Protein backbone atom coordinates (compact mmCIF):
# COMPACT_ATOMS: atom_id res chain seq x y z
CA UNK A 1 3.61 -62.18 -7.03
CA UNK A 2 0.67 -63.69 -8.90
CA UNK A 3 1.33 -66.24 -11.64
CA UNK A 4 1.23 -64.48 -14.99
CA UNK A 5 -1.59 -66.72 -16.25
CA UNK A 6 -3.79 -65.57 -13.34
CA UNK A 7 -3.65 -61.90 -14.17
CA UNK A 8 -5.65 -59.86 -11.68
CA UNK A 9 -6.05 -56.18 -11.04
CA UNK A 10 -6.66 -54.33 -7.83
CA UNK A 11 -7.61 -50.69 -7.78
CA UNK A 12 -5.72 -48.94 -4.94
CA UNK A 13 -9.02 -47.94 -3.33
CA UNK A 14 -10.74 -51.29 -3.92
CA UNK A 15 -11.15 -53.85 -1.17
CA UNK A 16 -10.75 -57.02 -3.20
CA UNK A 17 -9.18 -58.48 -6.32
CA UNK A 18 -11.18 -58.68 -9.51
CA UNK A 19 -10.57 -61.79 -11.64
CA UNK A 20 -9.10 -61.43 -15.07
CA UNK A 21 -12.40 -62.01 -16.87
CA UNK A 22 -13.73 -58.75 -15.33
CA UNK A 23 -10.75 -56.66 -16.48
CA UNK A 24 -12.19 -55.91 -19.92
CA UNK A 25 -14.96 -53.90 -18.28
CA UNK A 26 -12.66 -52.21 -15.75
CA UNK A 27 -12.33 -48.48 -16.15
CA UNK A 28 -9.11 -47.16 -17.71
CA UNK A 29 -6.14 -46.71 -15.43
CA UNK A 30 -5.19 -43.17 -14.51
CA UNK A 31 -1.41 -42.77 -14.62
CA UNK A 32 0.29 -39.73 -13.10
CA UNK A 33 3.66 -39.16 -14.80
CA UNK A 34 6.18 -36.80 -13.21
CA UNK A 35 8.21 -35.42 -16.09
CA UNK A 36 6.87 -34.40 -19.50
CA UNK A 37 10.02 -35.06 -21.51
CA UNK A 38 11.03 -38.72 -21.20
CA UNK A 39 7.67 -39.37 -19.52
CA UNK A 40 5.92 -38.53 -22.80
CA UNK A 41 7.10 -41.85 -24.24
CA UNK A 42 5.34 -44.02 -21.66
CA UNK A 43 2.39 -41.61 -21.70
CA UNK A 44 1.96 -42.16 -25.43
CA UNK A 45 2.06 -45.93 -24.98
CA UNK A 46 -0.53 -45.79 -22.19
CA UNK A 47 -2.78 -43.53 -24.28
CA UNK A 48 -2.51 -45.93 -27.24
CA UNK A 49 -3.79 -48.64 -24.89
CA UNK A 50 -6.82 -46.53 -23.92
CA UNK A 51 -5.67 -45.41 -20.46
CA UNK A 52 -5.49 -41.90 -19.02
CA UNK A 53 -2.21 -40.06 -18.46
CA UNK A 54 -1.51 -36.81 -16.65
CA UNK A 55 1.93 -35.26 -17.07
CA UNK A 56 3.44 -33.13 -14.29
CA UNK A 57 5.65 -30.34 -15.60
CA UNK A 58 6.18 -26.58 -15.66
CA UNK A 59 3.06 -24.44 -16.07
CA UNK A 60 4.11 -23.21 -19.53
CA UNK A 61 4.73 -26.76 -20.77
CA UNK A 62 1.44 -27.93 -19.24
CA UNK A 63 -0.43 -25.19 -21.08
CA UNK A 64 1.17 -26.23 -24.38
CA UNK A 65 0.36 -29.92 -23.84
CA UNK A 66 -3.23 -29.21 -22.81
CA UNK A 67 -3.69 -27.13 -25.95
CA UNK A 68 -1.82 -29.25 -28.51
CA UNK A 69 -1.13 -32.67 -26.95
CA UNK A 70 2.22 -34.45 -27.35
CA UNK A 71 4.10 -35.81 -30.36
CA UNK A 72 6.38 -38.83 -30.03
CA UNK A 73 8.47 -39.77 -33.05
CA UNK A 74 9.92 -43.25 -33.23
CA UNK A 75 11.61 -45.43 -35.85
CA UNK A 76 9.69 -48.50 -36.97
CA UNK A 77 11.37 -51.46 -38.61
CA UNK A 78 10.52 -51.64 -42.31
CA UNK A 79 9.52 -47.98 -42.63
CA UNK A 80 11.73 -45.37 -44.27
CA UNK A 81 11.06 -42.59 -41.78
CA UNK A 82 9.91 -42.27 -38.19
CA UNK A 83 6.26 -42.55 -37.21
CA UNK A 84 4.90 -39.55 -35.35
CA UNK A 85 2.39 -40.49 -32.67
CA UNK A 86 -0.06 -37.65 -32.07
CA UNK A 87 -1.77 -37.94 -28.69
CA UNK A 88 -4.89 -36.21 -30.05
CA UNK A 89 -5.51 -39.27 -32.24
CA UNK A 90 -5.21 -41.80 -29.42
CA UNK A 91 -8.10 -43.38 -27.48
CA UNK A 92 -6.74 -42.43 -24.05
CA UNK A 93 -7.14 -39.04 -22.43
CA UNK A 94 -4.15 -36.77 -21.80
CA UNK A 95 -3.79 -33.79 -19.49
CA UNK A 96 -0.92 -31.87 -17.89
CA UNK A 97 -0.59 -30.05 -14.58
CA UNK A 98 2.01 -28.22 -12.54
CA UNK A 99 3.01 -30.00 -9.29
CA UNK A 100 0.73 -27.89 -7.11
CA UNK A 101 -2.34 -28.61 -9.25
CA UNK A 102 -2.30 -32.42 -8.98
CA UNK A 103 -5.17 -34.19 -7.23
CA UNK A 104 -3.72 -37.50 -6.10
CA UNK A 105 -7.09 -39.14 -5.45
CA UNK A 106 -7.66 -39.19 -9.23
CA UNK A 107 -4.77 -41.56 -9.92
CA UNK A 108 -4.02 -45.28 -9.70
CA UNK A 109 -0.31 -45.36 -10.56
CA UNK A 110 2.56 -42.86 -10.42
CA UNK A 111 5.47 -42.90 -12.87
CA UNK A 112 8.67 -41.13 -11.84
CA UNK A 113 10.19 -39.91 -15.10
CA UNK A 114 12.18 -36.88 -13.95
CA UNK A 115 15.92 -36.90 -13.37
CA UNK A 116 16.76 -37.52 -9.72
CA UNK A 117 17.91 -33.95 -8.86
CA UNK A 118 14.54 -32.55 -9.99
CA UNK A 119 12.75 -34.19 -7.06
CA UNK A 120 14.55 -31.78 -4.71
CA UNK A 121 12.54 -28.88 -6.17
CA UNK A 122 10.27 -27.49 -3.45
CA UNK A 123 6.97 -28.06 -5.25
CA UNK A 124 7.94 -31.48 -6.61
CA UNK A 125 9.19 -32.55 -3.18
CA UNK A 126 5.87 -31.52 -1.62
CA UNK A 127 4.04 -33.59 -4.25
CA UNK A 128 6.31 -36.57 -3.54
CA UNK A 129 5.51 -36.37 0.17
CA UNK A 130 1.81 -36.44 -0.71
CA UNK A 131 2.32 -39.48 -2.95
CA UNK A 132 4.15 -41.29 -0.15
CA UNK A 133 1.39 -40.51 2.36
CA UNK A 134 -1.27 -41.72 -0.09
CA UNK A 135 0.59 -45.02 -0.54
CA UNK A 136 0.28 -44.86 -4.33
CA UNK A 137 2.45 -47.37 -6.21
CA UNK A 138 5.33 -45.64 -8.03
CA UNK A 139 7.09 -46.98 -11.12
CA UNK A 140 10.46 -45.26 -11.45
CA UNK A 141 11.98 -44.61 -14.88
CA UNK A 142 15.05 -42.98 -13.37
CA UNK A 143 18.54 -44.27 -14.06
CA UNK A 144 19.11 -43.58 -10.35
CA UNK A 145 17.04 -46.10 -8.37
CA UNK A 146 14.86 -44.44 -5.71
CA UNK A 147 16.38 -44.83 -2.27
CA UNK A 148 13.52 -47.02 -0.90
CA UNK A 149 14.00 -49.41 -3.82
CA UNK A 150 17.55 -50.11 -2.68
CA UNK A 151 16.08 -51.42 0.57
CA UNK A 152 14.42 -54.19 -1.50
CA UNK A 153 17.81 -55.46 -2.74
CA UNK A 154 19.40 -58.02 -0.39
CA UNK A 155 22.84 -56.98 0.82
CA UNK A 156 22.44 -53.26 0.09
CA UNK A 157 22.47 -50.81 3.00
CA UNK A 158 20.17 -48.11 1.65
CA UNK A 159 20.99 -45.70 4.48
CA UNK A 160 24.68 -45.85 3.59
CA UNK A 161 23.80 -44.65 0.06
CA UNK A 162 22.06 -41.41 1.08
CA UNK A 163 25.01 -39.20 0.12
CA UNK A 164 24.63 -40.29 -3.52
CA UNK A 165 21.29 -38.44 -3.74
CA UNK A 166 20.66 -34.73 -4.23
CA UNK A 167 18.15 -34.68 -1.36
CA UNK A 168 17.68 -38.08 0.25
CA UNK A 169 14.85 -36.79 2.44
CA UNK A 170 12.56 -36.81 -0.63
CA UNK A 171 12.30 -40.59 -0.19
CA UNK A 172 11.86 -40.83 3.58
CA UNK A 173 8.10 -41.40 3.60
CA UNK A 174 7.96 -44.20 1.02
CA UNK A 175 7.45 -47.86 1.91
CA UNK A 176 9.96 -49.90 -0.15
CA UNK A 177 7.27 -52.21 -1.55
CA UNK A 178 5.42 -49.29 -3.15
CA UNK A 179 8.40 -48.53 -5.42
CA UNK A 180 9.17 -50.55 -8.56
CA UNK A 181 12.19 -49.74 -10.71
CA UNK A 182 11.96 -49.83 -14.49
CA UNK A 183 15.12 -49.79 -16.57
CA UNK A 184 14.79 -46.79 -18.92
CA UNK A 185 16.50 -48.55 -21.83
CA UNK A 186 14.75 -46.65 -24.67
CA UNK A 187 16.84 -43.65 -25.73
CA UNK A 188 14.80 -40.51 -26.37
CA UNK A 189 15.52 -36.78 -26.56
CA UNK A 190 13.75 -33.53 -27.16
CA UNK A 191 14.97 -32.55 -30.65
CA UNK A 192 16.70 -29.18 -30.91
CA UNK A 193 14.51 -26.35 -32.11
CA UNK A 194 11.27 -28.25 -31.48
CA UNK A 195 8.50 -27.34 -29.02
CA UNK A 196 8.51 -28.83 -25.51
CA UNK A 197 5.70 -31.27 -26.44
CA UNK A 198 7.84 -33.15 -29.01
CA UNK A 199 9.98 -36.20 -28.17
CA UNK A 200 12.18 -38.19 -30.54
CA UNK A 201 13.04 -41.83 -29.82
CA UNK A 202 16.53 -42.77 -30.98
CA UNK A 203 16.75 -46.35 -29.66
CA UNK A 204 13.30 -48.01 -29.44
CA UNK A 205 14.02 -50.76 -26.89
CA UNK A 206 11.69 -51.92 -24.11
CA UNK A 207 11.06 -50.74 -20.56
CA UNK A 208 11.98 -53.59 -18.20
CA UNK A 209 10.25 -53.37 -14.84
CA UNK A 210 10.62 -55.13 -11.52
CA UNK A 211 7.43 -56.07 -9.61
CA UNK A 212 5.95 -54.16 -6.70
CA UNK A 213 5.95 -55.61 -3.23
CA UNK A 214 2.14 -55.89 -3.42
CA UNK A 215 0.63 -58.48 -5.79
CA UNK A 216 -2.34 -56.25 -6.61
CA UNK A 217 -0.10 -53.37 -7.63
CA UNK A 218 2.00 -55.72 -9.77
CA UNK A 219 -1.17 -57.02 -11.44
CA UNK A 220 -2.10 -53.45 -12.33
CA UNK A 221 1.32 -53.07 -13.94
CA UNK A 222 0.81 -56.34 -15.82
CA UNK A 223 -2.52 -55.08 -17.08
CA UNK A 224 -0.76 -52.01 -18.48
CA UNK A 225 1.88 -54.30 -20.00
CA UNK A 226 -0.75 -56.44 -21.75
CA UNK A 227 -2.73 -53.45 -23.02
CA UNK A 228 0.38 -51.79 -24.44
CA UNK A 229 1.34 -55.06 -26.13
CA UNK A 230 -2.07 -55.28 -27.81
CA UNK A 231 -2.29 -51.62 -28.91
CA UNK A 232 -1.88 -50.61 -32.55
CA UNK A 233 -1.53 -47.20 -34.24
CA UNK A 234 -2.81 -46.03 -37.61
CA UNK A 235 -0.17 -43.73 -39.06
CA UNK A 236 -2.17 -43.25 -42.24
CA UNK A 237 -1.61 -46.57 -43.98
CA UNK A 238 -3.42 -48.88 -41.60
CA UNK A 239 -2.93 -50.03 -38.04
CA UNK A 240 0.63 -51.06 -37.21
CA UNK A 241 2.51 -52.31 -34.17
CA UNK A 242 4.92 -49.78 -32.68
CA UNK A 243 8.10 -50.58 -30.73
CA UNK A 244 8.83 -49.80 -27.06
CA UNK A 245 6.86 -52.15 -24.83
CA UNK A 246 6.58 -52.52 -21.07
CA UNK A 247 7.96 -55.85 -19.81
CA UNK A 248 7.20 -56.76 -16.18
CA UNK A 249 9.66 -59.21 -14.66
CA UNK A 250 9.44 -61.23 -11.46
CA UNK A 251 12.53 -60.06 -9.57
CA UNK A 252 14.16 -56.85 -8.35
CA UNK A 253 17.44 -57.33 -10.23
CA UNK A 254 16.41 -56.98 -13.90
CA UNK A 255 16.46 -53.14 -13.94
CA UNK A 256 19.98 -53.16 -12.46
CA UNK A 257 21.26 -54.35 -15.85
CA UNK A 258 21.30 -50.66 -16.80
CA UNK A 259 24.10 -49.98 -14.28
CA UNK A 260 26.71 -51.73 -16.43
CA UNK A 261 25.58 -49.78 -19.50
CA UNK A 262 25.69 -46.47 -17.66
CA UNK A 263 29.16 -47.05 -16.22
CA UNK A 264 30.68 -48.40 -19.43
CA UNK A 265 29.11 -45.77 -21.67
CA UNK A 266 27.02 -42.89 -20.35
CA UNK A 267 29.26 -41.78 -17.49
CA UNK A 268 32.44 -42.34 -19.50
CA UNK A 269 31.22 -39.64 -21.90
CA UNK A 270 32.64 -37.36 -19.20
CA UNK A 271 36.32 -37.60 -20.07
CA UNK A 272 39.46 -35.75 -19.04
CA UNK A 273 39.81 -34.58 -22.65
CA UNK A 274 36.22 -33.32 -22.84
CA UNK A 275 32.72 -34.53 -23.61
CA UNK A 276 32.30 -37.36 -26.11
CA UNK A 277 29.45 -39.44 -27.61
CA UNK A 278 28.37 -42.72 -26.02
CA UNK A 279 29.59 -44.57 -29.12
CA UNK A 280 33.07 -43.11 -28.64
CA UNK A 281 33.07 -43.79 -24.90
CA UNK A 282 32.45 -47.48 -25.61
CA UNK A 283 34.27 -48.14 -28.88
CA UNK A 284 37.15 -45.70 -28.37
CA UNK A 285 38.63 -48.25 -25.95
CA UNK A 286 36.46 -51.32 -26.32
CA UNK A 287 38.47 -53.50 -23.93
CA UNK A 288 38.32 -50.94 -21.13
CA UNK A 289 34.57 -50.56 -21.66
CA UNK A 290 34.23 -54.35 -21.63
CA UNK A 291 36.18 -54.55 -18.38
CA UNK A 292 34.05 -51.89 -16.66
CA UNK A 293 30.88 -53.55 -17.93
CA UNK A 294 31.92 -56.98 -16.68
CA UNK A 295 32.94 -55.59 -13.27
CA UNK A 296 29.57 -53.86 -12.73
CA UNK A 297 27.71 -56.96 -13.95
CA UNK A 298 29.68 -59.05 -11.44
CA UNK A 299 28.72 -56.59 -8.70
CA UNK A 300 25.04 -57.06 -9.58
CA UNK A 301 25.52 -60.84 -9.53
CA UNK A 302 27.11 -60.60 -6.08
CA UNK A 303 23.87 -58.94 -4.92
CA UNK A 304 21.76 -61.78 -6.31
CA UNK A 305 21.24 -61.09 -10.02
CA UNK A 306 21.38 -64.05 -12.41
CA UNK A 307 22.93 -64.21 -15.88
CA UNK A 308 19.47 -63.99 -17.44
CA UNK A 309 18.81 -60.71 -15.59
CA UNK A 310 21.71 -58.99 -17.35
CA UNK A 311 22.48 -57.98 -20.92
CA UNK A 312 25.56 -59.44 -22.67
CA UNK A 313 28.25 -56.85 -23.39
CA UNK A 314 28.27 -57.66 -27.10
CA UNK A 315 24.58 -56.78 -27.39
CA UNK A 316 25.12 -53.51 -25.55
CA UNK A 317 28.21 -52.62 -27.59
CA UNK A 318 26.31 -53.21 -30.84
CA UNK A 319 23.50 -50.89 -29.69
CA UNK A 320 26.03 -48.25 -28.60
CA UNK A 321 27.23 -47.89 -32.19
CA UNK A 322 24.02 -45.97 -32.94
CA UNK A 323 24.37 -43.61 -29.96
CA UNK A 324 26.13 -40.73 -31.68
CA UNK A 325 25.40 -38.11 -29.00
CA UNK A 326 26.85 -37.62 -25.51
CA UNK A 327 24.69 -38.89 -22.66
CA UNK A 328 22.27 -36.57 -20.88
CA UNK A 329 24.35 -36.71 -17.70
CA UNK A 330 27.46 -35.64 -19.61
CA UNK A 331 25.61 -32.80 -21.32
CA UNK A 332 24.33 -31.63 -17.94
CA UNK A 333 27.79 -31.71 -16.31
CA UNK A 334 29.42 -29.82 -19.18
CA UNK A 335 26.42 -27.47 -19.33
CA UNK A 336 27.08 -26.20 -15.80
CA UNK A 337 24.62 -28.28 -13.75
CA UNK A 338 25.10 -28.18 -9.99
CA UNK A 339 23.57 -31.63 -9.47
CA UNK A 340 23.16 -34.69 -11.70
CA UNK A 341 22.13 -38.31 -11.19
CA UNK A 342 25.07 -39.96 -9.43
CA UNK A 343 24.72 -43.58 -10.45
CA UNK A 344 28.52 -43.60 -10.64
CA UNK A 345 28.80 -42.68 -6.96
CA UNK A 346 26.04 -45.11 -6.00
CA UNK A 347 27.76 -48.04 -7.74
CA UNK A 348 31.06 -47.07 -6.14
CA UNK A 349 29.45 -46.91 -2.68
CA UNK A 350 27.67 -50.26 -2.96
CA UNK A 351 30.82 -51.92 -4.31
CA UNK A 352 33.05 -50.43 -1.61
CA UNK A 353 30.77 -51.87 1.08
CA UNK A 354 31.60 -55.29 -0.39
CA UNK A 355 35.33 -54.57 -0.54
CA UNK A 356 35.34 -53.98 -4.32
CA UNK A 357 36.87 -51.14 -6.34
CA UNK A 358 37.58 -50.41 -10.00
CA UNK A 359 40.12 -47.71 -10.99
CA UNK A 360 38.13 -46.49 -13.99
CA UNK A 361 35.00 -46.00 -11.88
CA UNK A 362 37.00 -44.26 -9.14
CA UNK A 363 38.41 -41.96 -11.82
CA UNK A 364 34.95 -41.20 -13.19
CA UNK A 365 33.55 -40.40 -9.73
CA UNK A 366 36.49 -38.12 -8.89
CA UNK A 367 36.20 -36.26 -12.18
CA UNK A 368 32.45 -35.68 -11.80
CA UNK A 369 32.91 -34.60 -8.18
CA UNK A 370 35.47 -32.00 -9.29
CA UNK A 371 33.41 -30.71 -12.21
CA UNK A 372 30.23 -30.37 -10.14
CA UNK A 373 32.18 -28.53 -7.43
CA UNK A 374 33.43 -26.07 -10.06
CA UNK A 375 29.90 -25.68 -11.44
CA UNK A 376 28.51 -24.93 -7.98
CA UNK A 377 31.27 -22.44 -7.29
CA UNK A 378 30.61 -20.71 -10.61
CA UNK A 379 26.87 -20.61 -9.88
CA UNK A 380 27.49 -19.14 -6.40
CA UNK A 381 29.82 -16.50 -7.85
CA UNK A 382 27.29 -15.57 -10.53
CA UNK A 383 24.53 -15.30 -7.91
CA UNK A 384 26.69 -13.11 -5.67
CA UNK A 385 27.61 -10.86 -8.59
CA UNK A 386 23.96 -10.53 -9.60
CA UNK A 387 22.95 -9.68 -6.04
CA UNK A 388 25.66 -7.00 -5.83
CA UNK A 389 24.61 -5.45 -9.14
CA UNK A 390 20.89 -5.65 -8.33
CA UNK A 391 20.47 -4.91 -4.60
CA UNK A 392 16.99 -5.40 -3.18
C-alpha cells in the first residue's frame, strides 16, 4: 500500500500511476453501486464530492431515480432537524439501471451494497460474473464479507465457509485482492410510507474500509475518501459539513469490528420470545451482550486484529441505546425470508475451526436455522397451493 502522504490514483484502464499533483485535473470517478437502498448513502457522498454514481436496482426504482433523483436525510450535530440531501442539487451525476442494462466499461469502481442473498438473483449473478471477468475493484458494504475477502485473512479457510452463503458460486471468479470490505457502520433505513428513492440515516457514523490488494486501486479509494472529506452541502443556510465519511485503513481486520456488534446486538434481536429492538437485545441483558461481544472480539484478535482495529464495548453499547428498531436481519427472518445474511453462521464456522464455541452464538445459529427452514417450508407450500389453484 502507498504511504498516505504519497496519494496516487490509477485508472483501471491506465498503464501508469499519475502523481498526486495531477489528480485535481483527473476526470471524476465513475462508481457503480449495486443496491439503491443502503447504496444511496455512499452514492450521495460521492455525488457531493463531484463524482459519478450509477445505482443498480429494479427497473421501477431505476425509473423513479432517473426521473427524480435520490433523497438522503441525515441528522447533523447542532441542527434541530435532519438535513435532506437532494441529488439533483449535487455536482456529481447520478443515474440508475437494472442489472442487465449496465455497461461495465463505463465504471472505475464497484460498490456492493445489496444484502448477500440478493446476489443469487439470476440477473445480479450474471452481472457479478461480468464484474469478476473485468477485474474491477469491488468495495463491499455488506455485513457478510464476500467469500474472496475471507481468503485475504490469515488463518481463515474460505472454502470451509461456503455453506454460510446463499450461493457461494457467485464469488468464484473474483481474485481476492480485487475485493475490499467496508464496515457498514452507519445505520440507515427506507422510512415507511416514503418512495423508494428516499433514505433516512439513523446513526451517522463512518464507513471504515480495508485496502485493496492493488496499490493503485487503494489510491483510487483514498482519492474518494479525500474528496468526500472536503465536500460541503448548502442546505439553504450556507455550506455545511455533513457526517458519514469514508475512512480507508491499512489492514484487512478493521471491518471485522462489525462482527462483534452484529453478534451482540443485531442477531440477538431474533429471540425465542420474539423479535426485539437492537437496544433491547444489548441492554436487556448487558452482561450477556458484553460477553458475546468480548468473545467475538477475541476471535478477531486470534486471526490477527489488534486492539486499535476494534471498537470498545462501552462505545458500542452507548450507540445501541439509540437503535430503537429491530435489525434488518431480524425483520427479514420474522417477515418470512427464505435466506438472510448468515454472519452468525460464518462466525460460528470460523471459530469452530479454531476449537472455539460460545453457547449464546450456538443458540442464535440454531434458532435462525429453524426459523428459515420453517419460512422455506411455508413458501414451498404456498407455491404448491398456488400452482394447484392456477394450473398452466
